[in-house]
Protein backbone atom coordinates (compact mmCIF):
# COMPACT_ATOMS: atom_id res chain seq x y z
CA UNK A 1 79.37 86.29 120.27
CA UNK A 2 77.72 89.82 119.35
CA UNK A 3 76.89 90.36 115.43
CA UNK A 4 78.29 92.76 113.96
CA UNK A 5 76.50 96.43 113.54
CA UNK A 6 75.92 97.01 109.36
CA UNK A 7 77.93 100.57 109.92
CA UNK A 8 80.95 98.57 110.53
CA UNK A 9 80.72 96.45 107.52
CA UNK A 10 80.05 99.06 105.58
CA UNK A 11 83.04 100.84 106.77
CA UNK A 12 85.24 97.72 106.49
CA UNK A 13 84.12 97.72 102.92
CA UNK A 14 85.36 101.52 102.56
CA UNK A 15 88.60 100.32 104.15
CA UNK A 16 88.85 97.61 101.59
CA UNK A 17 88.13 99.48 98.82
CA UNK A 18 90.66 102.46 99.67
CA UNK A 19 93.31 99.61 100.11
CA UNK A 20 92.77 98.28 96.34
CA UNK A 21 92.60 102.17 95.21
CA UNK A 22 96.04 102.75 96.68
CA UNK A 23 97.65 99.58 95.61
CA UNK A 24 96.27 100.49 91.90
CA UNK A 25 97.40 103.75 92.28
CA UNK A 26 100.90 102.38 93.37
CA UNK A 27 100.89 99.44 90.36
CA UNK A 28 100.26 102.87 88.20
CA UNK A 29 103.10 104.87 89.39
CA UNK A 30 105.49 102.17 89.28
CA UNK A 31 104.38 101.52 85.57
CA UNK A 32 104.22 105.03 84.46
CA UNK A 33 108.20 105.78 86.45
CA UNK A 34 109.35 102.80 84.31
CA UNK A 35 107.95 103.96 81.20
CA UNK A 36 109.30 107.85 81.62
CA UNK A 37 112.83 106.24 82.97
CA UNK A 38 112.90 104.61 79.74
CA UNK A 39 111.78 107.48 77.76
CA UNK A 40 114.36 109.21 79.45
CA UNK A 41 116.81 106.82 78.85
CA UNK A 42 116.56 106.47 75.15
CA UNK A 43 116.37 110.12 74.47
CA UNK A 44 120.11 110.29 76.11
CA UNK A 45 121.09 107.50 74.16
CA UNK A 46 119.50 108.84 70.96
CA UNK A 47 121.26 112.45 71.85
CA UNK A 48 124.87 110.85 72.84
CA UNK A 49 124.68 108.66 69.92
CA UNK A 50 123.72 111.23 67.00
CA UNK A 51 126.32 113.52 68.73
CA UNK A 52 129.23 111.45 68.30
CA UNK A 53 127.83 110.75 64.63
CA UNK A 54 127.44 114.21 64.06
CA UNK A 55 130.87 115.17 65.20
CA UNK A 56 132.42 112.53 62.46
CA UNK A 57 130.06 113.24 59.84
CA UNK A 58 130.83 116.68 60.10
CA UNK A 59 134.31 116.52 59.30
CA UNK A 60 133.85 114.09 56.16
CA UNK A 61 134.48 115.53 53.29
CA UNK A 62 131.97 113.41 51.28
CA UNK A 63 129.05 111.39 51.52
CA UNK A 64 130.53 108.00 51.44
CA UNK A 65 132.89 109.03 53.80
CA UNK A 66 130.20 110.42 56.39
CA UNK A 67 128.25 107.29 55.79
CA UNK A 68 131.37 105.13 56.93
CA UNK A 69 132.47 106.76 59.62
CA UNK A 70 129.14 107.69 60.95
CA UNK A 71 128.68 103.92 60.74
CA UNK A 72 131.89 102.89 62.45
CA UNK A 73 130.79 105.14 65.19
CA UNK A 74 127.58 103.65 65.40
CA UNK A 75 129.51 99.71 65.38
CA UNK A 76 131.76 101.09 68.07
CA UNK A 77 129.21 102.65 70.44
CA UNK A 78 126.83 99.06 70.16
CA UNK A 79 130.19 96.90 70.76
CA UNK A 80 129.70 95.51 67.30
CA UNK A 81 133.32 94.17 66.54
CA UNK A 82 131.79 91.58 64.09
CA UNK A 83 129.96 91.57 61.54
CA UNK A 84 126.95 89.09 60.80
CA UNK A 85 124.00 89.60 58.21
CA UNK A 86 121.79 91.07 61.14
CA UNK A 87 124.00 93.48 61.88
CA UNK A 88 124.85 94.30 57.93
CA UNK A 89 121.03 94.96 57.95
CA UNK A 90 120.84 97.35 60.83
CA UNK A 91 123.87 99.30 59.84
CA UNK A 92 122.51 99.51 55.86
CA UNK A 93 119.20 100.90 56.81
CA UNK A 94 120.75 103.15 59.56
CA UNK A 95 122.81 104.52 56.62
CA UNK A 96 119.87 106.76 55.19
CA UNK A 97 120.24 109.02 58.42
CA UNK A 98 124.26 109.77 58.30
CA UNK A 99 123.34 110.79 54.72
CA UNK A 100 120.95 113.04 55.77
CA UNK A 101 122.84 114.29 58.71
CA UNK A 102 125.62 114.90 55.99
CA UNK A 103 123.35 116.55 53.49
CA UNK A 104 122.01 118.75 56.50
CA UNK A 105 125.71 120.40 57.11
CA UNK A 106 126.12 121.08 53.74
CA UNK A 107 126.71 124.62 53.01
CA UNK A 108 124.70 124.99 50.21
CA UNK A 109 121.45 124.51 52.95
CA UNK A 110 122.53 127.36 54.82
CA UNK A 111 123.56 129.70 51.96
CA UNK A 112 122.62 128.51 48.66
CA UNK A 113 124.19 129.82 45.95
CA UNK A 114 122.64 133.17 44.12
CA UNK A 115 119.23 134.32 44.88
CA UNK A 116 117.94 131.15 45.46
CA UNK A 117 115.82 130.62 48.18
CA UNK A 118 117.14 128.78 51.25
CA UNK A 119 116.02 125.28 50.67
CA UNK A 120 114.44 123.74 53.85
CA UNK A 121 116.76 121.55 55.61
CA UNK A 122 117.19 117.66 55.12
CA UNK A 123 114.76 116.20 58.16
CA UNK A 124 117.25 114.07 60.08
CA UNK A 125 114.56 113.55 63.18
CA UNK A 126 112.18 112.34 60.72
CA UNK A 127 114.89 109.99 59.06
CA UNK A 128 115.81 108.60 62.45
CA UNK A 129 112.09 108.07 63.49
CA UNK A 130 111.64 106.27 60.34
CA UNK A 131 114.82 104.13 61.08
CA UNK A 132 113.31 103.27 64.53
CA UNK A 133 109.88 102.74 63.30
CA UNK A 134 111.58 99.87 60.99
CA UNK A 135 113.88 98.32 63.58
CA UNK A 136 110.60 98.28 66.16
CA UNK A 137 108.66 96.51 63.77
CA UNK A 138 111.01 93.89 62.58
CA UNK A 139 112.70 93.62 65.71
CA UNK A 140 109.59 93.83 68.39
CA UNK A 141 111.83 95.99 70.78
CA UNK A 142 113.02 99.75 70.14
CA UNK A 143 116.54 99.94 68.71
CA UNK A 144 117.91 101.72 71.69
CA UNK A 145 117.24 98.21 73.87
CA UNK A 146 120.41 97.23 72.06
CA UNK A 147 122.83 100.05 74.41
CA UNK A 148 121.60 97.70 77.07
CA UNK A 149 123.94 94.80 75.94
CA UNK A 150 126.68 96.08 77.59
CA UNK A 151 130.12 94.29 76.56
CA UNK A 152 132.24 93.24 79.90
CA UNK A 153 135.64 94.48 80.22
CA UNK A 154 138.00 91.56 79.40
CA UNK A 155 141.29 92.09 82.09
CA UNK A 156 144.48 92.44 80.11
CA UNK A 157 146.80 89.82 81.04
CA UNK A 158 150.41 89.72 80.90
CA UNK A 159 152.53 86.39 81.18
């Protein structure tokens, strides 16, 4: 058997390094793609949930009714047909989002009485971020993961 020339050994090392670099890049791309996919999914869950809540809050006659309607929408979107201590805690921590949303729709925000300068609108996004931060810290997963637990439809059977 003839000994392998050293230049072939060098080319083999370079080929192996290229393979390792490609595999590393593919893992990074897959990881980044998954992270962006999750970020997009959460953004649309956030948008669609808050849009539905804003619709009921906008039609509410008072803050208490707005919060009750908002939390009912949230429960419905999460498929929470029953109460539990953990669910009640989440709902109570979400209530400030509905309160701030109701306040942001107040006519006084848009057109203050008299010659008062317009007030800055309440920070719905910031309040939502505080809720999300609390949820992540206490449950070690993002709030929007809850929307991945789809309820299977139960067929209705007539006897």
